[in-house]
Amino acid sequence: MATRSASRVKKDAAVEEIYYRKGDIDFCFLLNRRHHNLRVFDYRVGNYQQKRDFFDRIAWSEGLKKVYTVVEKQDSKSWRSVGFSREGAIPGYFRTADAYVMSRVYTDDGEPIAGGAPKLNAPAYKPRKVETTLPKSLTFDVVEDEGVLAKVTRTHEEGALYAPFRREVYRPDLAMKGRVGRREFWVGAETDSSFGHAKIDLLAPADALDKDEAFAIYTAVVEQMIAELAARDTASAFAVVPVDVAPANELFATLGFRVTGRLTDHLVRGSDYVGAQIWHKRVVHTQTPKISVFG
């Protein structure tokens, strides 16, 4: 007899983690109600059409805009065959293999958009030249206290510069804090020691980098975070950045990150959907196969 179970394991104000198992189907997904999307973790290959139909029903019942999953290359072809679109890649995500972001986007009526996810047209953000000198009093501290990280994340998550990408912990597990007097500048990282990657997040409101001094300070804090990740043998780092926050995109361009993915309608800003770009950089050099990002 086939077993069937659906269990809600963890939940916060916006994100709910749900496990589902029925016969040969076994997966977990993060239901993000703030951003109206579903992040899928699929543990078994096969049954793609059945899985797609399942997610379509959830998208309709929950009023979701998007379902997406992160898979290896060979699995991406199977998801594409049932109507998912490849929106980009995260090089070295699985340490020795690249990951591909496969997405399915829906209309306001809950119907899958015909022809797949619309392509996101984003500005070609370039490095930003800032003449501002960093304050001499700027200090840096590594923060790993779970309570402090949870509080900082809650303070800024409404600004859509942070959205959880992994299971179980809906906050960075490591942060670099820059401090100038009473002002604090936070950059977080979701790390995965098994696969050797980290997602970097600016724990700040969307307008935090508008002024040159703040931009320069956040750039320095991210540099310190990258150095800390390198010391922990992290192979690569990536960030998911809203396309409508120009300074944040310019920051990662300034630090030598490159765009490897463009995600349509990935986040919610007010009453509108906004796309996001994946910015990627190698931290500790390891060989990974060459990829075609938007094929």
C-alpha atoms as a PDB file:
ATOM      1  CA  MET A   1       0.000   0.000   0.000  1.00  0.00           C
ATOM      2  CA  ALA A   2       1.301   3.436  -0.879  1.00  0.00           C
ATOM      3  CA  THR A   3       2.069   5.678   2.057  1.00  0.00           C
ATOM      4  CA  ARG A   4       0.933   9.275   2.062  1.00  0.00           C
ATOM      5  CA  SER A   5       1.854  11.958   4.507  1.00  0.00           C
ATOM      6  CA  ALA A   6       2.013  15.717   4.593  1.00  0.00           C
ATOM      7  CA  SER A   7       3.499  17.318   7.658  1.00  0.00           C
ATOM      8  CA  ARG A   8       4.051  20.947   8.536  1.00  0.00           C
ATOM      9  CA  VAL A   9       7.286  21.025  10.470  1.00  0.00           C
ATOM     10  CA  LYS A  10       8.467  24.614  10.838  1.00  0.00           C
ATOM     11  CA  LYS A  11       6.732  27.925  10.443  1.00  0.00           C
ATOM     12  CA  ASP A  12       7.336  31.614  10.980  1.00  0.00           C
ATOM     13  CA  ALA A  13       5.294  34.684  10.086  1.00  0.00           C
ATOM     14  CA  ALA A  14       5.865  34.250   6.368  1.00  0.00           C
ATOM     15  CA  VAL A  15       7.420  30.846   5.649  1.00  0.00           C
ATOM     16  CA  GLU A  16       6.050  27.371   6.244  1.00  0.00           C
ATOM     17  CA  GLU A  17       8.028  24.191   5.663  1.00  0.00           C
ATOM     18  CA  ILE A  18       5.973  21.207   4.544  1.00  0.00           C
ATOM     19  CA  TYR A  19       6.995  17.587   3.858  1.00  0.00           C
ATOM     20  CA  TYR A  20       4.979  15.430   1.459  1.00  0.00           C
ATOM     21  CA  ARG A  21       5.315  11.730   0.670  1.00  0.00           C
ATOM     22  CA  LYS A  22       3.100   9.514  -1.449  1.00  0.00           C
ATOM     23  CA  GLY A  23       4.442   6.328  -3.023  1.00  0.00           C
ATOM     24  CA  ASP A  24       7.532   7.238  -5.040  1.00  0.00           C
ATOM     25  CA  ILE A  25       7.046  10.981  -4.480  1.00  0.00           C
ATOM     26  CA  ASP A  26       9.053  12.457  -1.636  1.00  0.00           C
ATOM     27  CA  PHE A  27       9.783  16.145  -1.326  1.00  0.00           C
ATOM     28  CA  CYS A  28       9.787  19.156   0.949  1.00  0.00           C
ATOM     29  CA  PHE A  29       8.756  22.669   0.071  1.00  0.00           C
ATOM     30  CA  LEU A  30       8.912  26.142   1.572  1.00  0.00           C
ATOM     31  CA  LEU A  31       5.661  28.045   1.218  1.00  0.00           C
ATOM     32  CA  ASN A  32       6.610  31.738   1.304  1.00  0.00           C
ATOM     33  CA  ARG A  33       3.393  33.691   1.701  1.00  0.00           C
ATOM     34  CA  ARG A  34       5.115  37.071   1.819  1.00  0.00           C
ATOM     35  CA  HIS A  35       6.544  36.607  -1.667  1.00  0.00           C
ATOM     36  CA  HIS A  36       3.795  34.295  -2.982  1.00  0.00           C
ATOM     37  CA  ASN A  37       6.172  31.549  -4.068  1.00  0.00           C
ATOM     38  CA  LEU A  38       7.042  27.935  -3.380  1.00  0.00           C
ATOM     39  CA  ARG A  39      10.612  26.594  -3.120  1.00  0.00           C
ATOM     40  CA  VAL A  40      10.741  22.828  -3.836  1.00  0.00           C
ATOM     41  CA  PHE A  41      13.321  20.333  -2.518  1.00  0.00           C
ATOM     42  CA  ASP A  42      12.823  17.128  -4.507  1.00  0.00           C
ATOM     43  CA  TYR A  43      14.421  13.985  -3.055  1.00  0.00           C
ATOM     44  CA  ARG A  44      13.541  11.471  -5.792  1.00  0.00           C
ATOM     45  CA  VAL A  45      13.765  11.666  -9.570  1.00  0.00           C
ATOM     46  CA  GLY A  46      10.797  10.793 -11.748  1.00  0.00           C
ATOM     47  CA  ASN A  47       7.030  11.410 -11.670  1.00  0.00           C
ATOM     48  CA  TYR A  48       7.562  14.952 -12.942  1.00  0.00           C
ATOM     49  CA  GLN A  49       4.113  15.427 -14.434  1.00  0.00           C
ATOM     50  CA  GLN A  50       2.451  14.232 -11.245  1.00  0.00           C
ATOM     51  CA  LYS A  51       4.613  16.580  -9.208  1.00  0.00           C
ATOM     52  CA  ARG A  52       3.870  19.478 -11.541  1.00  0.00           C
ATOM     53  CA  ASP A  53       0.123  18.884 -11.222  1.00  0.00           C
ATOM     54  CA  PHE A  54       0.485  18.791  -7.440  1.00  0.00           C
ATOM     55  CA  PHE A  55       2.296  22.143  -7.395  1.00  0.00           C
ATOM     56  CA  ASP A  56      -0.226  23.655  -9.794  1.00  0.00           C
ATOM     57  CA  ARG A  57      -2.980  22.789  -7.330  1.00  0.00           C
ATOM     58  CA  ILE A  58      -1.063  24.354  -4.444  1.00  0.00           C
ATOM     59  CA  ALA A  59      -0.353  27.483  -6.493  1.00  0.00           C
ATOM     60  CA  TRP A  60      -4.056  27.827  -7.271  1.00  0.00           C
ATOM     61  CA  SER A  61      -5.269  27.189  -3.713  1.00  0.00           C
ATOM     62  CA  GLU A  62      -2.660  29.460  -2.065  1.00  0.00           C
ATOM     63  CA  GLY A  63      -2.735  32.226  -4.670  1.00  0.00           C
ATOM     64  CA  LEU A  64       0.938  31.773  -5.549  1.00  0.00           C
ATOM     65  CA  LYS A  65       2.772  33.511  -8.357  1.00  0.00           C
ATOM     66  CA  LYS A  66       5.684  31.115  -8.678  1.00  0.00           C
ATOM     67  CA  VAL A  67       6.999  27.613  -7.982  1.00  0.00           C
ATOM     68  CA  TYR A  68      10.722  26.967  -8.341  1.00  0.00           C
ATOM     69  CA  THR A  69      13.310  24.313  -7.626  1.00  0.00           C
ATOM     70  CA  VAL A  70      17.118  24.096  -7.744  1.00  0.00           C
ATOM     71  CA  VAL A  71      18.433  20.958  -9.453  1.00  0.00           C
ATOM     72  CA  GLU A  72      21.414  19.475 -11.269  1.00  0.00           C
ATOM     73  CA  LYS A  73      21.670  19.721 -15.044  1.00  0.00           C
ATOM     74  CA  GLN A  74      20.327  16.270 -15.919  1.00  0.00           C
ATOM     75  CA  ASP A  75      17.252  16.831 -13.739  1.00  0.00           C
ATOM     76  CA  SER A  76      16.603  20.279 -15.226  1.00  0.00           C
ATOM     77  CA  LYS A  77      15.717  18.718 -18.593  1.00  0.00           C
ATOM     78  CA  SER A  78      13.004  16.614 -16.985  1.00  0.00           C
ATOM     79  CA  TRP A  79      11.454  19.639 -15.259  1.00  0.00           C
ATOM     80  CA  ARG A  80      11.567  21.561 -18.531  1.00  0.00           C
ATOM     81  CA  SER A  81       9.681  18.736 -20.249  1.00  0.00           C
ATOM     82  CA  VAL A  82       6.676  19.353 -17.960  1.00  0.00           C
ATOM     83  CA  GLY A  83       6.516  23.120 -18.371  1.00  0.00           C
ATOM     84  CA  PHE A  84       9.156  24.552 -16.052  1.00  0.00           C
ATOM     85  CA  SER A  85      11.589  27.174 -17.397  1.00  0.00           C
ATOM     86  CA  ARG A  86      15.310  27.468 -16.711  1.00  0.00           C
ATOM     87  CA  GLU A  87      15.882  30.954 -15.315  1.00  0.00           C
ATOM     88  CA  GLY A  88      19.578  30.672 -14.604  1.00  0.00           C
ATOM     89  CA  ALA A  89      22.310  28.804 -12.811  1.00  0.00           C
ATOM     90  CA  ILE A  90      24.315  28.834  -9.606  1.00  0.00           C
ATOM     91  CA  PRO A  91      27.813  27.594 -10.519  1.00  0.00           C
ATOM     92  CA  GLY A  92      29.319  25.135  -8.053  1.00  0.00           C
ATOM     93  CA  TYR A  93      26.181  25.035  -5.912  1.00  0.00           C
ATOM     94  CA  PHE A  94      26.650  21.291  -5.374  1.00  0.00           C
ATOM     95  CA  ARG A  95      30.418  21.831  -4.940  1.00  0.00           C
ATOM     96  CA  THR A  96      31.408  19.891  -8.063  1.00  0.00           C
ATOM     97  CA  ALA A  97      28.222  20.447 -10.055  1.00  0.00           C
ATOM     98  CA  ASP A  98      26.225  23.499 -11.068  1.00  0.00           C
ATOM     99  CA  ALA A  99      22.627  24.074 -10.056  1.00  0.00           C
ATOM    100  CA  TYR A 100      19.863  25.238 -12.350  1.00  0.00           C
ATOM    101  CA  VAL A 101      16.865  27.231 -11.180  1.00  0.00           C
ATOM    102  CA  MET A 102      13.710  25.789 -12.752  1.00  0.00           C
ATOM    103  CA  SER A 103      10.540  27.870 -12.405  1.00  0.00           C
ATOM    104  CA  ARG A 104       6.846  27.870 -13.201  1.00  0.00           C
ATOM    105  CA  VAL A 105       5.040  31.238 -13.127  1.00  0.00           C
ATOM    106  CA  TYR A 106       1.283  31.729 -12.844  1.00  0.00           C
ATOM    107  CA  THR A 107      -1.265  34.350 -13.862  1.00  0.00           C
ATOM    108  CA  ASP A 108      -3.412  36.229 -11.345  1.00  0.00           C
ATOM    109  CA  ASP A 109      -6.091  33.586 -11.980  1.00  0.00           C
ATOM    110  CA  GLY A 110      -3.723  30.790 -10.931  1.00  0.00           C
ATOM    111  CA  GLU A 111      -3.125  29.439 -14.423  1.00  0.00           C
ATOM    112  CA  PRO A 112       0.412  28.542 -15.609  1.00  0.00           C
ATOM    113  CA  ILE A 113       1.668  31.179 -18.051  1.00  0.00           C
ATOM    114  CA  ALA A 114       1.644  29.709 -21.537  1.00  0.00           C
ATOM    115  CA  GLY A 115       5.106  29.326 -23.031  1.00  0.00           C
ATOM    116  CA  GLY A 116       6.876  29.263 -19.678  1.00  0.00           C
ATOM    117  CA  ALA A 117       8.176  31.976 -17.393  1.00  0.00           C
ATOM    118  CA  PRO A 118       8.490  35.356 -19.154  1.00  0.00           C
ATOM    119  CA  LYS A 119      12.107  36.407 -19.502  1.00  0.00           C
ATOM    120  CA  LEU A 120      13.194  39.096 -17.063  1.00  0.00           C
ATOM    121  CA  ASN A 121      14.709  42.178 -18.657  1.00  0.00           C
ATOM    122  CA  ALA A 122      17.065  43.758 -16.139  1.00  0.00           C
ATOM    123  CA  PRO A 123      19.477  46.683 -16.455  1.00  0.00           C
ATOM    124  CA  ALA A 124      23.124  45.854 -17.049  1.00  0.00           C
ATOM    125  CA  TYR A 125      24.371  47.059 -13.690  1.00  0.00           C
ATOM    126  CA  LYS A 126      28.024  48.100 -13.651  1.00  0.00           C
ATOM    127  CA  PRO A 127      30.563  48.641 -10.866  1.00  0.00           C
ATOM    128  CA  ARG A 128      29.988  51.919  -9.041  1.00  0.00           C
ATOM    129  CA  LYS A 129      32.795  54.384  -8.514  1.00  0.00           C
ATOM    130  CA  VAL A 130      32.629  55.934  -5.079  1.00  0.00           C
ATOM    131  CA  GLU A 131      35.152  58.524  -3.972  1.00  0.00           C
ATOM    132  CA  THR A 132      34.069  58.416  -0.327  1.00  0.00           C
ATOM    133  CA  THR A 133      36.756  57.427   2.196  1.00  0.00           C
ATOM    134  CA  LEU A 134      35.730  54.796   4.717  1.00  0.00           C
ATOM    135  CA  PRO A 135      35.326  56.128   8.272  1.00  0.00           C
ATOM    136  CA  LYS A 136      38.419  55.460  10.381  1.00  0.00           C
ATOM    137  CA  SER A 137      36.187  54.224  13.207  1.00  0.00           C
ATOM    138  CA  LEU A 138      34.679  51.427  11.069  1.00  0.00           C
ATOM    139  CA  THR A 139      35.010  48.049  12.803  1.00  0.00           C
ATOM    140  CA  PHE A 140      33.965  44.539  11.813  1.00  0.00           C
ATOM    141  CA  ASP A 141      32.656  41.654  13.910  1.00  0.00           C
ATOM    142  CA  VAL A 142      31.580  38.103  13.040  1.00  0.00           C
ATOM    143  CA  VAL A 143      28.210  37.294  14.634  1.00  0.00           C
ATOM    144  CA  GLU A 144      26.838  33.762  15.044  1.00  0.00           C
ATOM    145  CA  ASP A 145      24.434  34.210  17.950  1.00  0.00           C
ATOM    146  CA  GLU A 146      21.109  32.744  16.779  1.00  0.00           C
ATOM    147  CA  GLY A 147      18.955  35.165  18.748  1.00  0.00           C
ATOM    148  CA  VAL A 148      20.782  38.224  17.461  1.00  0.00           C
ATOM    149  CA  LEU A 149      20.645  36.983  13.861  1.00  0.00           C
ATOM    150  CA  ALA A 150      16.919  36.245  14.118  1.00  0.00           C
ATOM    151  CA  LYS A 151      16.233  39.732  15.475  1.00  0.00           C
ATOM    152  CA  VAL A 152      18.256  41.493  12.781  1.00  0.00           C
ATOM    153  CA  THR A 153      16.585  39.428  10.053  1.00  0.00           C
ATOM    154  CA  ARG A 154      13.086  40.217  11.318  1.00  0.00           C
ATOM    155  CA  THR A 155      13.959  43.909  11.394  1.00  0.00           C
ATOM    156  CA  HIS A 156      14.793  44.033   7.680  1.00  0.00           C
ATOM    157  CA  GLU A 157      12.964  41.172   5.955  1.00  0.00           C
ATOM    158  CA  GLU A 158      10.028  43.376   4.894  1.00  0.00           C
ATOM    159  CA  GLY A 159      12.423  45.300   2.626  1.00  0.00           C
ATOM    160  CA  ALA A 160      12.754  42.205   0.402  1.00  0.00           C
ATOM    161  CA  LEU A 161      16.546  42.230   0.512  1.00  0.00           C
ATOM    162  CA  TYR A 162      16.302  38.965   2.450  1.00  0.00           C
ATOM    163  CA  ALA A 163      14.218  35.894   1.622  1.00  0.00           C
ATOM    164  CA  PRO A 164      15.117  32.390   2.867  1.00  0.00           C
ATOM    165  CA  PHE A 165      16.473  29.983   0.263  1.00  0.00           C
ATOM    166  CA  ARG A 166      17.037  26.859   2.335  1.00  0.00           C
ATOM    167  CA  ARG A 167      15.191  24.600   4.758  1.00  0.00           C
ATOM    168  CA  GLU A 168      14.792  24.641   8.534  1.00  0.00           C
ATOM    169  CA  VAL A 169      16.405  27.979   9.415  1.00  0.00           C
ATOM    170  CA  TYR A 170      14.761  31.113   8.022  1.00  0.00           C
ATOM    171  CA  ARG A 171      17.656  33.459   8.700  1.00  0.00           C
ATOM    172  CA  PRO A 172      21.387  33.636   7.982  1.00  0.00           C
ATOM    173  CA  ASP A 173      23.514  31.492  10.305  1.00  0.00           C
ATOM    174  CA  LEU A 174      26.485  33.838  10.049  1.00  0.00           C
ATOM    175  CA  ALA A 175      26.732  37.618   9.810  1.00  0.00           C
ATOM    176  CA  MET A 176      29.376  40.295   9.472  1.00  0.00           C
ATOM    177  CA  LYS A 177      28.563  43.462  11.387  1.00  0.00           C
ATOM    178  CA  GLY A 178      30.140  46.745  10.438  1.00  0.00           C
ATOM    179  CA  ARG A 179      29.942  49.477  13.046  1.00  0.00           C
ATOM    180  CA  VAL A 180      30.538  53.218  12.921  1.00  0.00           C
ATOM    181  CA  GLY A 181      29.629  54.854  16.204  1.00  0.00           C
ATOM    182  CA  ARG A 182      26.046  53.792  16.907  1.00  0.00           C
ATOM    183  CA  ARG A 183      25.345  52.862  13.293  1.00  0.00           C
ATOM    184  CA  GLU A 184      25.388  49.189  12.353  1.00  0.00           C
ATOM    185  CA  PHE A 185      25.711  47.632   8.891  1.00  0.00           C
ATOM    186  CA  TRP A 186      24.748  43.956   8.651  1.00  0.00           C
ATOM    187  CA  VAL A 187      25.522  41.366   5.979  1.00  0.00           C
ATOM    188  CA  GLY A 188      24.354  37.789   6.478  1.00  0.00           C
ATOM    189  CA  ALA A 189      25.218  34.439   4.926  1.00  0.00           C
ATOM    190  CA  GLU A 190      23.309  31.179   4.651  1.00  0.00           C
ATOM    191  CA  THR A 191      26.147  28.656   4.572  1.00  0.00           C
ATOM    192  CA  ASP A 192      26.260  25.011   3.501  1.00  0.00           C
ATOM    193  CA  SER A 193      29.469  23.270   4.527  1.00  0.00           C
ATOM    194  CA  SER A 194      28.473  20.031   2.768  1.00  0.00           C
ATOM    195  CA  PHE A 195      28.337  21.651  -0.664  1.00  0.00           C
ATOM    196  CA  GLY A 196      30.734  24.511   0.067  1.00  0.00           C
ATOM    197  CA  HIS A 197      28.502  27.431  -0.934  1.00  0.00           C
ATOM    198  CA  ALA A 198      26.958  30.428   0.783  1.00  0.00           C
ATOM    199  CA  LYS A 199      24.144  32.839  -0.028  1.00  0.00           C
ATOM    200  CA  ILE A 200      25.003  36.397   0.928  1.00  0.00           C
ATOM    201  CA  ASP A 201      22.261  38.795   2.039  1.00  0.00           C
ATOM    202  CA  LEU A 202      22.271  42.499   2.779  1.00  0.00           C
ATOM    203  CA  LEU A 203      20.305  42.776   6.018  1.00  0.00           C
ATOM    204  CA  ALA A 204      19.141  46.273   5.254  1.00  0.00           C
ATOM    205  CA  PRO A 205      16.136  48.183   3.911  1.00  0.00           C
ATOM    206  CA  ALA A 206      15.955  48.753   0.175  1.00  0.00           C
ATOM    207  CA  ASP A 207      17.113  52.386   0.399  1.00  0.00           C
ATOM    208  CA  ALA A 208      20.032  51.733   2.766  1.00  0.00           C
ATOM    209  CA  LEU A 209      22.731  51.990   0.073  1.00  0.00           C
ATOM    210  CA  ASP A 210      21.506  55.175  -1.639  1.00  0.00           C
ATOM    211  CA  LYS A 211      24.179  57.418  -0.143  1.00  0.00           C
ATOM    212  CA  ASP A 212      27.815  56.976  -1.203  1.00  0.00           C
ATOM    213  CA  GLU A 213      29.137  56.535   2.339  1.00  0.00           C
ATOM    214  CA  ALA A 214      26.672  53.749   3.149  1.00  0.00           C
ATOM    215  CA  PHE A 215      27.398  52.093  -0.204  1.00  0.00           C
ATOM    216  CA  ALA A 216      31.143  52.153   0.531  1.00  0.00           C
ATOM    217  CA  ILE A 217      30.635  50.757   4.035  1.00  0.00           C
ATOM    218  CA  TYR A 218      28.358  47.925   2.902  1.00  0.00           C
ATOM    219  CA  THR A 219      30.846  47.089   0.154  1.00  0.00           C
ATOM    220  CA  ALA A 220      33.581  46.814   2.771  1.00  0.00           C
ATOM    221  CA  VAL A 221      31.383  44.655   5.024  1.00  0.00           C
ATOM    222  CA  VAL A 222      30.619  42.260   2.147  1.00  0.00           C
ATOM    223  CA  GLU A 223      34.373  42.090   1.400  1.00  0.00           C
ATOM    224  CA  GLN A 224      34.981  41.092   5.010  1.00  0.00           C
ATOM    225  CA  MET A 225      32.241  38.476   4.741  1.00  0.00           C
ATOM    226  CA  ILE A 226      33.846  36.993   1.630  1.00  0.00           C
ATOM    227  CA  ALA A 227      37.184  36.816   3.455  1.00  0.00           C
ATOM    228  CA  GLU A 228      35.486  35.044   6.368  1.00  0.00           C
ATOM    229  CA  LEU A 229      33.814  32.577   3.999  1.00  0.00           C
ATOM    230  CA  ALA A 230      37.161  31.885   2.310  1.00  0.00           C
ATOM    231  CA  ALA A 231      38.670  31.121   5.719  1.00  0.00           C
ATOM    232  CA  ARG A 232      35.905  28.553   6.185  1.00  0.00           C
ATOM    233  CA  ASP A 233      36.751  26.851   2.852  1.00  0.00           C
ATOM    234  CA  THR A 234      33.640  28.105   1.082  1.00  0.00           C
ATOM    235  CA  ALA A 235      34.015  27.484  -2.643  1.00  0.00           C
ATOM    236  CA  SER A 236      31.487  29.962  -3.972  1.00  0.00           C
ATOM    237  CA  ALA A 237      29.037  32.650  -2.929  1.00  0.00           C
ATOM    238  CA  PHE A 238      25.860  33.944  -4.527  1.00  0.00           C
ATOM    239  CA  ALA A 239      23.205  36.547  -3.820  1.00  0.00           C
ATOM    240  CA  VAL A 240      19.591  36.932  -4.920  1.00  0.00           C
ATOM    241  CA  VAL A 241      19.090  40.667  -5.469  1.00  0.00           C
ATOM    242  CA  PRO A 242      15.880  42.508  -6.450  1.00  0.00           C
ATOM    243  CA  VAL A 243      16.333  44.169  -9.842  1.00  0.00           C
ATOM    244  CA  ASP A 244      14.708  47.392  -8.662  1.00  0.00           C
ATOM    245  CA  VAL A 245      17.351  48.065  -5.999  1.00  0.00           C
ATOM    246  CA  ALA A 246      20.103  49.511  -8.184  1.00  0.00           C
ATOM    247  CA  PRO A 247      22.736  50.137  -5.457  1.00  0.00           C
ATOM    248  CA  ALA A 248      22.561  46.515  -4.264  1.00  0.00           C
ATOM    249  CA  ASN A 249      23.147  45.226  -7.786  1.00  0.00           C
ATOM    250  CA  GLU A 250      25.949  47.761  -8.291  1.00  0.00           C
ATOM    251  CA  LEU A 251      27.569  46.595  -5.050  1.00  0.00           C
ATOM    252  CA  PHE A 252      27.901  43.003  -6.230  1.00  0.00           C
ATOM    253  CA  ALA A 253      29.103  44.151  -9.659  1.00  0.00           C
ATOM    254  CA  THR A 254      31.732  46.286  -7.899  1.00  0.00           C
ATOM    255  CA  LEU A 255      32.972  43.236  -5.968  1.00  0.00           C
ATOM    256  CA  GLY A 256      33.430  41.137  -9.102  1.00  0.00           C
ATOM    257  CA  PHE A 257      30.259  39.048  -8.918  1.00  0.00           C
ATOM    258  CA  ARG A 258      28.582  38.214 -12.227  1.00  0.00           C
ATOM    259  CA  VAL A 259      24.947  37.634 -13.106  1.00  0.00           C
ATOM    260  CA  THR A 260      24.151  33.953 -13.689  1.00  0.00           C
ATOM    261  CA  GLY A 261      20.373  34.031 -13.401  1.00  0.00           C
ATOM    262  CA  ARG A 262      17.363  36.293 -13.815  1.00  0.00           C
ATOM    263  CA  LEU A 263      14.263  35.312 -11.859  1.00  0.00           C
ATOM    264  CA  THR A 264      10.885  36.627 -13.004  1.00  0.00           C
ATOM    265  CA  ASP A 265       8.341  37.862 -10.419  1.00  0.00           C
ATOM    266  CA  HIS A 266      10.431  36.391  -7.624  1.00  0.00           C
ATOM    267  CA  LEU A 267       9.689  38.839  -4.811  1.00  0.00           C
ATOM    268  CA  VAL A 268       6.877  41.099  -3.659  1.00  0.00           C
ATOM    269  CA  ARG A 269       7.411  44.827  -3.174  1.00  0.00           C
ATOM    270  CA  GLY A 270       4.304  46.508  -1.854  1.00  0.00           C
ATOM    271  CA  SER A 271       1.505  45.437  -4.190  1.00  0.00           C
ATOM    272  CA  ASP A 272       3.793  44.570  -7.118  1.00  0.00           C
ATOM    273  CA  TYR A 273       5.978  41.641  -8.111  1.00  0.00           C
ATOM    274  CA  VAL A 274       9.631  42.329  -8.840  1.00  0.00           C
ATOM    275  CA  GLY A 275      12.270  40.155 -10.446  1.00  0.00           C
ATOM    276  CA  ALA A 276      15.629  39.272  -8.957  1.00  0.00           C
ATOM    277  CA  GLN A 277      19.104  38.570 -10.285  1.00  0.00           C
ATOM    278  CA  ILE A 278      21.474  35.858  -9.118  1.00  0.00           C
ATOM    279  CA  TRP A 279      24.968  37.269  -8.614  1.00  0.00           C
ATOM    280  CA  HIS A 280      27.761  34.693  -8.244  1.00  0.00           C
ATOM    281  CA  LYS A 281      31.443  34.710  -7.335  1.00  0.00           C
ATOM    282  CA  ARG A 282      34.020  32.017  -6.680  1.00  0.00           C
ATOM    283  CA  VAL A 283      35.479  32.338  -3.211  1.00  0.00           C
ATOM    284  CA  VAL A 284      37.894  29.394  -3.136  1.00  0.00           C
ATOM    285  CA  HIS A 285      38.733  28.256  -6.654  1.00  0.00           C
ATOM    286  CA  THR A 286      37.493  24.792  -7.606  1.00  0.00           C
ATOM    287  CA  GLN A 287      36.963  23.474 -11.099  1.00  0.00           C
ATOM    288  CA  THR A 288      33.372  23.248 -12.288  1.00  0.00           C
ATOM    289  CA  PRO A 289      32.041  22.611 -15.782  1.00  0.00           C
ATOM    290  CA  LYS A 290      31.304  25.541 -18.068  1.00  0.00           C
ATOM    291  CA  ILE A 291      27.650  26.462 -18.301  1.00  0.00           C
ATOM    292  CA  SER A 292      25.248  28.175 -20.642  1.00  0.00           C
ATOM    293  CA  VAL A 293      23.264  30.342 -18.253  1.00  0.00           C
ATOM    294  CA  PHE A 294      20.148  31.202 -20.213  1.00  0.00           C
ATOM    295  CA  GLY A 295      19.857  28.309 -22.677  1.00  0.00           C
END
